[in-house]
């Protein structure tokens, strides 16, 4: 019997259903130290992440309390559960268990792992944010520079924009009734692939960004795919955001993105479909000058009754959140200091 790795991701729940997902992998590169290496050793870590070998078609079993559910991994090793919650659970973070066992290519495999899922509070907001060039300086519009940064800078060397962490921490306390620590559910939705999940989670932890559920793109298992990381169509982001809002019809959402790719257009489509569910849209300006097409889209969103803020520096977004009453009371606990970074893509 061969051991395989179960790569689980943070899941989410409402009062009726639980959604969790992951991949079955032959061997997954693990260990936090991999993400703090320097030079060629760090580049090798990233290359290893894009060279993983998924195992398809194995039986996967989910366990939560007295509840058990089964599914089968897809061709790329991906599996997803959307199952009824048979017992009431309190809001907050909870742990779930997954195991896998089966035969593929004449070999028997088994493995097990644990991860967390989040059930929002009744008065919560949902925060949906892009990653690259929204809070993580990535140079998304310049493919080769983005690849160079990805390969050459570890998570300690990568930087968030000035004051973006402070804004997100304040949003984590936003409430329609009363502020409470970590009461809001955060989704980081990106065109980056699942291969980069641990790197993104580690970056968020190091910089004090709120703990989030990540929704990423189809896993890659070859270096040819690596060269095109983050590229191609962004329609998957629209579908993922639609699914999230449909899953939480009782929540209002705050959307954060940037003008380097398609976030303004995607968020406009979301607001046309879910205007009553969207509280505000924030778009970061990634060049020295604002883009006229983005300004026009933001005006159209505003005409749908949704607050908007197109900003070059996060302090403007913070002021907007305070003035709009989204963040109407500072948290009692002081915010941790934010590491200095340059609010620039240069």
Foldseek 3Di string as FASTA:
>chain_A
DAEWDWAWFAWAAEQWKTKTKTFIWRDADDDPVLQVDADQSVLVSLQSLQAIQTDFFWKKWKDDPPDIDIDGAHPRRMDMDIGTDPDGDDFAKDKIKMKTWDDDPRDTYIYIDMDIYGYADLFAAEEEEEDDLQFWQQPVLDLVSNLVCSNGPGLVRTGTAPCPQVLQQLLCQFGPPGGDHNRYAYEHEAAAEPSCVVRVQVSCVVFNHDDHGYHYDHRHNDVVVVSQGRDDDPVVSLVVVVVVCVNPVSHAYEYTEEDSDCVLVSVLVVCVVCVVRYAEYEYEYADPDRDPVSVVSQVSSVVSVHHYYYYPHCVSVSVVCCVSSRRPDGDPDDDDDGDDDHSHSD
